[in-house]
Structure formats: structure tokens, C-alpha cells
C-alpha atoms as a PDB file:
ATOM      1  CA  MET A   1      -2.519  17.223 -11.865  1.00  0.00           C
ATOM      2  CA  VAL A   2       0.781  18.487 -13.292  1.00  0.00           C
ATOM      3  CA  GLN A   3       2.743  15.786 -15.118  1.00  0.00           C
ATOM      4  CA  PHE A   4       6.533  15.579 -14.715  1.00  0.00           C
ATOM      5  CA  PRO A   5       8.506  13.180 -16.917  1.00  0.00           C
ATOM      6  CA  CYS A   6      10.651  10.810 -14.866  1.00  0.00           C
ATOM      7  CA  SER A   7      13.686  11.952 -16.866  1.00  0.00           C
ATOM      8  CA  ILE A   8      13.227  15.390 -15.271  1.00  0.00           C
ATOM      9  CA  LEU A   9      12.725  13.973 -11.802  1.00  0.00           C
ATOM     10  CA  ASN A  10      16.007  12.075 -12.067  1.00  0.00           C
ATOM     11  CA  SER A  11      17.933  15.298 -12.706  1.00  0.00           C
ATOM     12  CA  ARG A  12      18.346  18.710 -11.084  1.00  0.00           C
ATOM     13  CA  VAL A  13      15.203  20.861 -10.866  1.00  0.00           C
ATOM     14  CA  ALA A  14      15.018  24.491  -9.697  1.00  0.00           C
ATOM     15  CA  VAL A  15      11.558  25.548  -8.494  1.00  0.00           C
ATOM     16  CA  TRP A  16      10.278  29.077  -7.860  1.00  0.00           C
ATOM     17  CA  GLU A  17       6.711  28.356  -6.669  1.00  0.00           C
ATOM     18  CA  PRO A  18       6.257  26.546  -3.324  1.00  0.00           C
ATOM     19  CA  LYS A  19       2.998  24.927  -4.477  1.00  0.00           C
ATOM     20  CA  LEU A  20       4.781  23.439  -7.466  1.00  0.00           C
ATOM     21  CA  PHE A  21       7.528  22.242  -5.136  1.00  0.00           C
ATOM     22  CA  ASN A  22       5.082  20.217  -3.034  1.00  0.00           C
ATOM     23  CA  ARG A  23       3.448  18.779  -6.148  1.00  0.00           C
ATOM     24  CA  LEU A  24       6.836  17.717  -7.368  1.00  0.00           C
ATOM     25  CA  MET A  25       7.486  15.961  -4.044  1.00  0.00           C
ATOM     26  CA  LYS A  26       4.242  14.034  -4.241  1.00  0.00           C
ATOM     27  CA  TYR A  27       4.719  13.071  -7.882  1.00  0.00           C
ATOM     28  CA  ALA A  28       8.203  11.714  -7.174  1.00  0.00           C
ATOM     29  CA  VAL A  29       6.842   9.465  -4.414  1.00  0.00           C
ATOM     30  CA  LEU A  30       3.956   8.141  -6.523  1.00  0.00           C
ATOM     31  CA  HIS A  31       6.235   7.326  -9.474  1.00  0.00           C
ATOM     32  CA  ASN A  32       9.025   5.544  -7.586  1.00  0.00           C
ATOM     33  CA  VAL A  33      11.758   7.992  -8.541  1.00  0.00           C
ATOM     34  CA  GLN A  34      15.253   6.849  -7.525  1.00  0.00           C
ATOM     35  CA  GLN A  35      17.283  10.076  -7.780  1.00  0.00           C
ATOM     36  CA  PHE A  36      15.887  13.482  -6.900  1.00  0.00           C
ATOM     37  CA  THR A  37      17.578  16.902  -6.735  1.00  0.00           C
ATOM     38  CA  VAL A  38      15.507  20.041  -6.224  1.00  0.00           C
ATOM     39  CA  SER A  39      16.130  23.602  -5.016  1.00  0.00           C
ATOM     40  CA  LEU A  40      13.735  26.333  -3.893  1.00  0.00           C
ATOM     41  CA  ASN A  41      14.376  30.018  -3.149  1.00  0.00           C
ATOM     42  CA  LEU A  42      12.589  31.126   0.036  1.00  0.00           C
ATOM     43  CA  SER A  43      14.673  34.246   0.737  1.00  0.00           C
ATOM     44  CA  PHE A  44      11.758  36.669   0.654  1.00  0.00           C
ATOM     45  CA  ARG A  45       9.132  34.455   2.296  1.00  0.00           C
ATOM     46  CA  GLN A  46       8.202  34.497   5.970  1.00  0.00           C
ATOM     47  CA  SER A  47       6.420  31.160   5.852  1.00  0.00           C
ATOM     48  CA  PHE A  48       6.171  28.056   3.703  1.00  0.00           C
ATOM     49  CA  GLU A  49       3.796  25.112   4.061  1.00  0.00           C
ATOM     50  CA  PHE A  50       6.208  22.253   3.519  1.00  0.00           C
ATOM     51  CA  CYS A  51       4.569  18.884   2.807  1.00  0.00           C
ATOM     52  CA  PRO A  52       7.193  16.205   3.503  1.00  0.00           C
ATOM     53  CA  TYR A  53       5.911  13.620   1.001  1.00  0.00           C
ATOM     54  CA  ILE A  54       9.418  12.817  -0.172  1.00  0.00           C
ATOM     55  CA  PHE A  55      10.509  11.495   3.222  1.00  0.00           C
ATOM     56  CA  SER A  56       8.205   8.499   2.874  1.00  0.00           C
ATOM     57  CA  CYS A  57       9.568   7.561  -0.555  1.00  0.00           C
ATOM     58  CA  GLU A  58      10.738   3.942  -0.496  1.00  0.00           C
ATOM     59  CA  SER A  59      12.366   4.005  -3.953  1.00  0.00           C
ATOM     60  CA  LEU A  60      14.787   6.925  -3.551  1.00  0.00           C
ATOM     61  CA  THR A  61      18.497   6.111  -3.440  1.00  0.00           C
ATOM     62  CA  PHE A  62      19.739   9.718  -3.831  1.00  0.00           C
ATOM     63  CA  LEU A  63      18.106  12.907  -2.521  1.00  0.00           C
ATOM     64  CA  LYS A  64      19.321  16.498  -2.499  1.00  0.00           C
ATOM     65  CA  LEU A  65      17.040  19.209  -1.110  1.00  0.00           C
ATOM     66  CA  SER A  66      18.367  22.749  -1.232  1.00  0.00           C
ATOM     67  CA  PHE A  67      16.623  25.844   0.150  1.00  0.00           C
ATOM     68  CA  ASN A  68      17.840  29.419  -0.083  1.00  0.00           C
ATOM     69  CA  SER A  69      16.493  31.069   3.053  1.00  0.00           C
ATOM     70  CA  PHE A  70      17.524  33.509   5.783  1.00  0.00           C
ATOM     71  CA  ASP A  71      15.361  31.543   8.231  1.00  0.00           C
ATOM     72  CA  THR A  72      16.244  27.842   8.267  1.00  0.00           C
ATOM     73  CA  SER A  73      13.275  27.045  10.541  1.00  0.00           C
ATOM     74  CA  ILE A  74      10.841  27.603   7.650  1.00  0.00           C
ATOM     75  CA  VAL A  75      11.405  24.066   6.349  1.00  0.00           C
ATOM     76  CA  ALA A  76      11.021  21.598   9.231  1.00  0.00           C
ATOM     77  CA  LEU A  77      11.669  17.932   8.521  1.00  0.00           C
ATOM     78  CA  PRO A  78       9.641  15.172  10.182  1.00  0.00           C
ATOM     79  CA  GLY A  79      11.128  13.494  13.233  1.00  0.00           C
ATOM     80  CA  SER A  80      11.955  10.321  11.319  1.00  0.00           C
ATOM     81  CA  LEU A  81      12.764   9.690   7.659  1.00  0.00           C
ATOM     82  CA  ASN A  82      11.182   6.529   6.261  1.00  0.00           C
ATOM     83  CA  MET A  83      13.520   5.958   3.316  1.00  0.00           C
ATOM     84  CA  PRO A  84      14.771   2.347   3.330  1.00  0.00           C
ATOM     85  CA  ALA A  85      16.624   2.529  -0.024  1.00  0.00           C
ATOM     86  CA  LEU A  86      18.336   5.900   0.502  1.00  0.00           C
ATOM     87  CA  LYS A  87      22.128   5.782   0.116  1.00  0.00           C
ATOM     88  CA  SER A  88      23.019   9.467  -0.294  1.00  0.00           C
ATOM     89  CA  LEU A  89      21.309  12.475   1.330  1.00  0.00           C
ATOM     90  CA  GLN A  90      22.167  16.172   0.971  1.00  0.00           C
ATOM     91  CA  LEU A  91      20.184  18.791   2.895  1.00  0.00           C
ATOM     92  CA  GLU A  92      20.648  22.560   2.810  1.00  0.00           C
ATOM     93  CA  ALA A  93      18.930  25.093   5.119  1.00  0.00           C
ATOM     94  CA  VAL A  94      16.396  22.773   6.763  1.00  0.00           C
ATOM     95  CA  SER A  95      15.585  22.290  10.449  1.00  0.00           C
ATOM     96  CA  PHE A  96      15.376  19.024  12.370  1.00  0.00           C
ATOM     97  CA  THR A  97      12.418  18.263  14.626  1.00  0.00           C
ATOM     98  CA  ALA A  98      12.640  16.576  18.017  1.00  0.00           C
ATOM     99  CA  ARG A  99      10.487  13.531  18.639  1.00  0.00           C
ATOM    100  CA  ASP A 100       9.507  12.403  22.144  1.00  0.00           C
ATOM    101  CA  ASN A 101      12.647  13.724  23.823  1.00  0.00           C
ATOM    102  CA  ASP A 102      14.575  16.955  23.430  1.00  0.00           C
ATOM    103  CA  TYR A 103      16.788  15.633  20.634  1.00  0.00           C
ATOM    104  CA  ALA A 104      16.280  15.220  16.907  1.00  0.00           C
ATOM    105  CA  GLU A 105      17.218  11.817  15.477  1.00  0.00           C
ATOM    106  CA  PRO A 106      16.037  11.773  11.844  1.00  0.00           C
ATOM    107  CA  PHE A 107      18.490   9.354  10.197  1.00  0.00           C
ATOM    108  CA  SER A 108      18.349   6.187  12.301  1.00  0.00           C
ATOM    109  CA  THR A 109      15.704   4.546  10.087  1.00  0.00           C
ATOM    110  CA  CYS A 110      17.689   5.067   6.841  1.00  0.00           C
ATOM    111  CA  ASN A 111      19.218   1.606   7.019  1.00  0.00           C
ATOM    112  CA  VAL A 112      21.526   1.781   3.977  1.00  0.00           C
ATOM    113  CA  LEU A 113      22.519   5.454   4.174  1.00  0.00           C
ATOM    114  CA  ASN A 114      26.160   5.811   3.163  1.00  0.00           C
ATOM    115  CA  THR A 115      26.704   9.544   2.551  1.00  0.00           C
ATOM    116  CA  LEU A 116      25.199  12.463   4.490  1.00  0.00           C
ATOM    117  CA  ILE A 117      25.825  16.162   3.758  1.00  0.00           C
ATOM    118  CA  LEU A 118      24.302  18.821   6.026  1.00  0.00           C
ATOM    119  CA  ASP A 119      24.711  22.435   4.905  1.00  0.00           C
ATOM    120  CA  GLY A 120      23.515  25.299   7.105  1.00  0.00           C
ATOM    121  CA  CYS A 121      20.884  23.223   8.916  1.00  0.00           C
ATOM    122  CA  SER A 122      19.323  24.063  12.292  1.00  0.00           C
ATOM    123  CA  LEU A 123      17.218  22.613  15.105  1.00  0.00           C
ATOM    124  CA  HIS A 124      13.482  23.283  15.168  1.00  0.00           C
ATOM    125  CA  LYS A 125      11.818  24.864  18.218  1.00  0.00           C
ATOM    126  CA  ASP A 126      12.358  22.740  21.361  1.00  0.00           C
ATOM    127  CA  ALA A 127      15.069  20.419  20.027  1.00  0.00           C
ATOM    128  CA  LYS A 128      18.248  20.642  22.138  1.00  0.00           C
ATOM    129  CA  PHE A 129      20.679  18.626  20.040  1.00  0.00           C
ATOM    130  CA  LEU A 130      20.989  16.590  16.850  1.00  0.00           C
ATOM    131  CA  SER A 131      21.683  12.878  17.076  1.00  0.00           C
ATOM    132  CA  ILE A 132      23.270  11.414  13.939  1.00  0.00           C
ATOM    133  CA  SER A 133      22.702   7.745  14.608  1.00  0.00           C
ATOM    134  CA  ASN A 134      23.306   5.333  11.741  1.00  0.00           C
ATOM    135  CA  SER A 135      25.428   2.178  11.626  1.00  0.00           C
ATOM    136  CA  SER A 136      25.818   2.191   7.819  1.00  0.00           C
ATOM    137  CA  LEU A 137      26.979   5.806   7.446  1.00  0.00           C
ATOM    138  CA  SER A 138      30.562   6.087   6.160  1.00  0.00           C
ATOM    139  CA  SER A 139      30.838   9.698   4.917  1.00  0.00           C
ATOM    140  CA  LEU A 140      29.595  12.773   6.794  1.00  0.00           C
ATOM    141  CA  THR A 141      29.936  16.468   5.918  1.00  0.00           C
ATOM    142  CA  ILE A 142      28.774  19.199   8.300  1.00  0.00           C
ATOM    143  CA  SER A 143      28.857  22.735   6.933  1.00  0.00           C
ATOM    144  CA  GLY A 144      27.793  25.421   9.397  1.00  0.00           C
ATOM    145  CA  SER A 145      26.237  28.833   8.807  1.00  0.00           C
ATOM    146  CA  PHE A 146      25.274  31.955  10.752  1.00  0.00           C
ATOM    147  CA  GLU A 147      21.599  31.250  10.014  1.00  0.00           C
ATOM    148  CA  GLY A 148      21.782  27.665  11.281  1.00  0.00           C
ATOM    149  CA  GLY A 149      23.143  28.702  14.673  1.00  0.00           C
ATOM    150  CA  ALA A 150      25.107  26.549  17.105  1.00  0.00           C
ATOM    151  CA  TYR A 151      23.942  23.329  18.746  1.00  0.00           C
ATOM    152  CA  LYS A 152      25.199  19.985  20.020  1.00  0.00           C
ATOM    153  CA  ILE A 153      25.754  17.091  17.620  1.00  0.00           C
ATOM    154  CA  ALA A 154      25.973  13.557  19.012  1.00  0.00           C
ATOM    155  CA  LEU A 155      27.417  10.892  16.714  1.00  0.00           C
ATOM    156  CA  SER A 156      26.536   7.225  16.868  1.00  0.00           C
ATOM    157  CA  THR A 157      28.206   6.165  13.624  1.00  0.00           C
ATOM    158  CA  PRO A 158      30.480   3.167  14.262  1.00  0.00           C
ATOM    159  CA  ASN A 159      31.402   2.718  10.577  1.00  0.00           C
ATOM    160  CA  LEU A 160      32.192   6.351   9.793  1.00  0.00           C
ATOM    161  CA  SER A 161      35.328   6.594   7.631  1.00  0.00           C
ATOM    162  CA  SER A 162      35.257  10.215   6.415  1.00  0.00           C
ATOM    163  CA  LEU A 163      34.283  13.425   8.217  1.00  0.00           C
ATOM    164  CA  THR A 164      34.426  16.961   6.804  1.00  0.00           C
ATOM    165  CA  VAL A 165      33.639  20.048   8.895  1.00  0.00           C
ATOM    166  CA  THR A 166      33.433  23.375   7.052  1.00  0.00           C
ATOM    167  CA  GLY A 167      31.844  26.812   7.185  1.00  0.00           C
ATOM    168  CA  HIS A 168      31.036  28.974  10.199  1.00  0.00           C
ATOM    169  CA  ASN A 169      30.784  25.939  12.392  1.00  0.00           C
ATOM    170  CA  ASN A 170      30.205  26.404  16.131  1.00  0.00           C
ATOM    171  CA  HIS A 171      28.621  23.042  16.922  1.00  0.00           C
ATOM    172  CA  THR A 172      29.920  20.908  19.760  1.00  0.00           C
ATOM    173  CA  ILE A 173      30.531  17.331  18.641  1.00  0.00           C
ATOM    174  CA  SER A 174      30.506  14.183  20.758  1.00  0.00           C
ATOM    175  CA  SER A 175      30.510  10.490  19.906  1.00  0.00           C
ATOM    176  CA  ALA A 176      28.997   7.417  21.532  1.00  0.00           C
ATOM    177  CA  CYS A 177      31.605   5.180  19.828  1.00  0.00           C
ATOM    178  CA  ASN A 178      35.366   5.440  19.324  1.00  0.00           C
ATOM    179  CA  LEU A 179      35.130   5.831  15.520  1.00  0.00           C
ATOM    180  CA  SER A 180      37.735   3.123  14.977  1.00  0.00           C
ATOM    181  CA  PHE A 181      37.206   3.070  11.179  1.00  0.00           C
ATOM    182  CA  LEU A 182      37.826   6.792  10.742  1.00  0.00           C
ATOM    183  CA  GLU A 183      40.218   7.159   7.804  1.00  0.00           C
ATOM    184  CA  GLU A 184      40.173  10.877   7.012  1.00  0.00           C
ATOM    185  CA  VAL A 185      39.060  14.100   8.697  1.00  0.00           C
ATOM    186  CA  THR A 186      39.062  17.521   7.021  1.00  0.00           C
ATOM    187  CA  ILE A 187      38.477  20.700   9.035  1.00  0.00           C
ATOM    188  CA  ASP A 188      38.168  23.972   7.146  1.00  0.00           C
ATOM    189  CA  THR A 189      36.427  26.317   9.547  1.00  0.00           C
ATOM    190  CA  LEU A 190      37.342  29.384  11.541  1.00  0.00           C
ATOM    191  CA  GLY A 191      35.152  28.360  14.472  1.00  0.00           C
ATOM    192  CA  TYR A 192      35.110  31.914  15.795  1.00  0.00           C
ATOM    193  CA  THR A 193      33.336  32.504  19.093  1.00  0.00           C
ATOM    194  CA  LEU A 194      30.113  33.851  17.647  1.00  0.00           C
ATOM    195  CA  PHE A 195      28.054  31.915  20.172  1.00  0.00           C
ATOM    196  CA  PRO A 196      28.511  31.325  23.917  1.00  0.00           C
ATOM    197  CA  ASN A 197      30.705  28.545  25.326  1.00  0.00           C
ATOM    198  CA  THR A 198      32.706  27.761  22.194  1.00  0.00           C
ATOM    199  CA  ASP A 199      36.231  28.253  23.554  1.00  0.00           C
ATOM    200  CA  LEU A 200      38.590  25.419  22.522  1.00  0.00           C
ATOM    201  CA  LEU A 201      35.912  24.215  20.127  1.00  0.00           C
ATOM    202  CA  ILE A 202      38.131  22.746  17.396  1.00  0.00           C
ATOM    203  CA  ILE A 203      40.393  21.140  19.992  1.00  0.00           C
ATOM    204  CA  SER A 204      37.331  19.478  21.530  1.00  0.00           C
ATOM    205  CA  TRP A 205      36.411  18.062  18.096  1.00  0.00           C
ATOM    206  CA  LEU A 206      39.896  16.611  17.674  1.00  0.00           C
ATOM    207  CA  GLN A 207      39.666  14.935  21.076  1.00  0.00           C
ATOM    208  CA  VAL A 208      36.639  13.034  19.751  1.00  0.00           C
ATOM    209  CA  LEU A 209      38.429  12.113  16.501  1.00  0.00           C
ATOM    210  CA  THR A 210      41.648  10.620  17.884  1.00  0.00           C
ATOM    211  CA  ASN A 211      41.404   7.426  15.798  1.00  0.00           C
ATOM    212  CA  VAL A 212      41.743   9.323  12.522  1.00  0.00           C
ATOM    213  CA  LYS A 213      44.501   8.167  10.142  1.00  0.00           C
ATOM    214  CA  ILE A 214      44.699  11.204   7.827  1.00  0.00           C
ATOM    215  CA  LEU A 215      44.009  14.668   9.263  1.00  0.00           C
ATOM    216  CA  ARG A 216      43.699  17.658   6.925  1.00  0.00           C
ATOM    217  CA  LEU A 217      43.671  21.130   8.498  1.00  0.00           C
ATOM    218  CA  TYR A 218      43.463  24.510   6.787  1.00  0.00           C
ATOM    219  CA  SER A 219      45.511  27.518   7.892  1.00  0.00           C
ATOM    220  CA  GLY A 220      42.422  29.392   9.109  1.00  0.00           C
ATOM    221  CA  THR A 221      41.672  26.435  11.372  1.00  0.00           C
ATOM    222  CA  LEU A 222      45.240  26.447  12.696  1.00  0.00           C
ATOM    223  CA  LEU A 223      44.965  30.150  13.545  1.00  0.00           C
ATOM    224  CA  THR A 224      41.833  29.422  15.559  1.00  0.00           C
ATOM    225  CA  ILE A 225      43.660  26.635  17.407  1.00  0.00           C
ATOM    226  CA  LEU A 226      46.525  29.039  18.175  1.00  0.00           C
ATOM    227  CA  ARG A 227      44.082  31.588  19.547  1.00  0.00           C
ATOM    228  CA  ASP A 228      42.500  28.926  21.731  1.00  0.00           C
ATOM    229  CA  ILE A 229      45.736  27.544  23.202  1.00  0.00           C
ATOM    230  CA  SER A 230      46.732  31.120  24.095  1.00  0.00           C
ATOM    231  CA  ASN A 231      43.591  31.308  26.223  1.00  0.00           C
ATOM    232  CA  PRO A 232      44.206  30.625  29.960  1.00  0.00           C
ATOM    233  CA  VAL A 233      41.280  28.181  29.802  1.00  0.00           C
ATOM    234  CA  SER A 234      43.457  25.823  27.737  1.00  0.00           C
ATOM    235  CA  VAL A 235      45.952  25.227  30.577  1.00  0.00           C
ATOM    236  CA  SER A 236      43.764  22.483  32.058  1.00  0.00           C
ATOM    237  CA  THR A 237      42.971  20.943  28.649  1.00  0.00           C
ATOM    238  CA  GLN A 238      45.042  18.044  27.359  1.00  0.00           C
ATOM    239  CA  PRO A 239      45.967  18.076  23.646  1.00  0.00           C
ATOM    240  CA  PRO A 240      44.454  15.240  21.597  1.00  0.00           C
ATOM    241  CA  CYS A 241      46.295  11.924  21.347  1.00  0.00           C
ATOM    242  CA  PHE A 242      46.073  10.606  17.785  1.00  0.00           C
ATOM    243  CA  VAL A 243      46.761   6.901  18.274  1.00  0.00           C
ATOM    244  CA  GLN A 244      46.523   5.899  14.585  1.00  0.00           C
ATOM    245  CA  LEU A 245      47.574   9.088  12.795  1.00  0.00           C
ATOM    246  CA  LYS A 246      49.640   8.424   9.669  1.00  0.00           C
ATOM    247  CA  SER A 247      49.581  11.845   8.026  1.00  0.00           C
ATOM    248  CA  LEU A 248      48.846  15.445   9.000  1.00  0.00           C
ATOM    249  CA  ILE A 249      48.150  17.546   5.900  1.00  0.00           C
ATOM    250  CA  LEU A 250      48.281  21.336   6.190  1.00  0.00           C
ATOM    251  CA  GLU A 251      46.518  23.419   3.541  1.00  0.00           C
ATOM    252  CA  ASN A 252      47.483  27.069   3.145  1.00  0.00           C
ATOM    253  CA  GLN A 253      44.811  29.707   2.510  1.00  0.00           C
ATOM    254  CA  PRO A 254      45.730  33.166   1.152  1.00  0.00           C
ATOM    255  CA  SER A 255      43.017  34.697   3.355  1.00  0.00           C
ATOM    256  CA  ALA A 256      44.597  33.249   6.517  1.00  0.00           C
ATOM    257  CA  ASP A 257      48.064  34.742   6.943  1.00  0.00           C
ATOM    258  CA  ILE A 258      50.050  32.356   9.150  1.00  0.00           C
ATOM    259  CA  SER A 259      53.783  32.521   9.771  1.00  0.00           C
ATOM    260  CA  PHE A 260      56.146  29.554   9.887  1.00  0.00           C
ATOM    261  CA  GLU A 261      56.594  30.008  13.640  1.00  0.00           C
ATOM    262  CA  GLN A 262      52.842  30.014  14.188  1.00  0.00           C
ATOM    263  CA  LEU A 263      52.489  26.920  12.035  1.00  0.00           C
ATOM    264  CA  LYS A 264      55.233  25.152  13.964  1.00  0.00           C
ATOM    265  CA  ARG A 265      53.658  26.013  17.308  1.00  0.00           C
ATOM    266  CA  ALA A 266      50.220  24.720  16.258  1.00  0.00           C
ATOM    267  CA  VAL A 267      51.650  21.457  14.914  1.00  0.00           C
ATOM    268  CA  GLU A 268      53.792  20.855  17.996  1.00  0.00           C
ATOM    269  CA  TYR A 269      50.749  21.348  20.204  1.00  0.00           C
ATOM    270  CA  LEU A 270      48.565  18.987  18.167  1.00  0.00           C
ATOM    271  CA  LEU A 271      51.133  16.182  17.933  1.00  0.00           C
ATOM    272  CA  GLN A 272      52.801  16.319  21.346  1.00  0.00           C
ATOM    273  CA  ASN A 273      50.777  13.358  22.666  1.00  0.00           C
ATOM    274  CA  SER A 274      50.736  11.349  19.425  1.00  0.00           C
ATOM    275  CA  PRO A 275      53.086   8.385  18.853  1.00  0.00           C
ATOM    276  CA  GLN A 276      53.539   8.934  15.092  1.00  0.00           C
ATOM    277  CA  ARG A 277      54.374  12.209  13.375  1.00  0.00           C
ATOM    278  CA  ARG A 278      54.308  12.804   9.638  1.00  0.00           C
ATOM    279  CA  ILE A 279      53.500  16.228   8.216  1.00  0.00           C
ATOM    280  CA  ASP A 280      52.695  16.971   4.577  1.00  0.00           C
END
């Protein structure tokens, strides 16, 4: 058996051999590692036998798994993660597996999970949507990718205080609760219609996030909103009503050329139903 010092397992490890990767997983579980960061390049592999030892590790408080792959379905996570001590989880290019129903709900058993970062993840086979259900979660980042595709995300996160949406993100987002503790939302995505039925996508997100106090939008996002409200479909869609909004922060991007008039139009649309208006 290969021996790995715990000092290595509590730092970042880059692995090139899949067999070594699985050994590393197993060793971490057997030796009660608390922090684990590992990456594996699968770009030129058509298959990979992933052994999910790490998702039964009861000692881990921090886990970051990063895969470089053109096919995110290669690494399929189990339907449920049995990690009672986990506080921070970062996953890149993995797929989520449905359990008995047509939805994947992997995080509901992580009882102390505080921070969740999903980067370019997908749904595996028959899963229809991803349920992020966790009452302790306070910070969530969803970064989309072409490889991960588009799917529905259902939130059941009553204590969520921070949400960041980035990348080529075409997911539809809904929430089972009103997200009354939502302090800050950042949206830095173009949300282009690369997949069917994604018109007014960013506007639909904002309608779910109306309790946010600080909203940060990038100029590329504003251009997408302008394109959407120019669509005849938007006539029957009400703008969001931000009932607790204290500050709207606009971030300029050199790659997204937006005029002052365009900026003004987007802001007026977003805030027309909101009682408080402050723009930074």
C-alpha cells in the first residue's frame, strides 16, 4: 500500500494516474484527514473508474475535488454524501446522480455545510434537476460551463446569505423558501441562449432573489438583460421587486461595451418595482 504523509493530505495534491487518485481517496478516509484538496486531469480519457471513498469520510471539514475533463459525466458522485463534519465543499467537473426520484439531492446529509462551490458540474444520466437542500448552507457559488450543460436547480436553503452565479450559466433556478437572510448576490454571466427555453433567464433568477440586500451585476449581465427585455416575450413578465435592496453595484467589463443610455435603461427596468434605490 502506498503511504501518504498526513501533511501532504492536508494540502493541495495534483494527481496524474487515476489508480493513484483512488488510493489517495481511500488513504484519506482511513487516516481521518480533515482538509483535502486534489485535482486530476481526465481530458484524454473516455472512462474512469471513480471509487467514491472520500464521500464517506466522517473527519473531513474541507474538501476540494477538481477534474479537468471534456466529459463531466465521467466522474459521477453517489446520490448522498455522508460527511457529517464537512463545512466547505468545492467540486469541479463532476456529475450528480439521482436517487429514487428524477432529481439529485446530494447535500442534504451534510449537516454543518457552510460553503458550497460548484464549477462546471452536470447531471448524470436520468437526473432531471439538482436539489440543493441544506439548512446550514450560507454561501453558494454556481459556475456554469458548456460541458456541464443546462438543467434546473431547486434551492431549499433557508439560511443562505451569499449567492454567486458566474460562467456560461444557463440553469433555471427556483427556491422553496423566500431566502430572507440573503445579504449579497453577484451575477457575472452572459447567460446566452445556448440551450432551449432560456429567454429571460437572468430576470427569472432575480425574481427568485428579491430579498437580497446587496446586488452586484456585471456589464455583460446587464447587456443580456437588455437583450431579454427587448424580446416581445418580456411584455407579460413583471420586473423583480427587491423589497430589501440597499445597494445595486454595477461592475464594468472592458469586454462588454455598454453605453450610458443602455446602462440607464437596464437599471430603470430592474428597479422600477423596488421601494429603495441606491446605485454604486
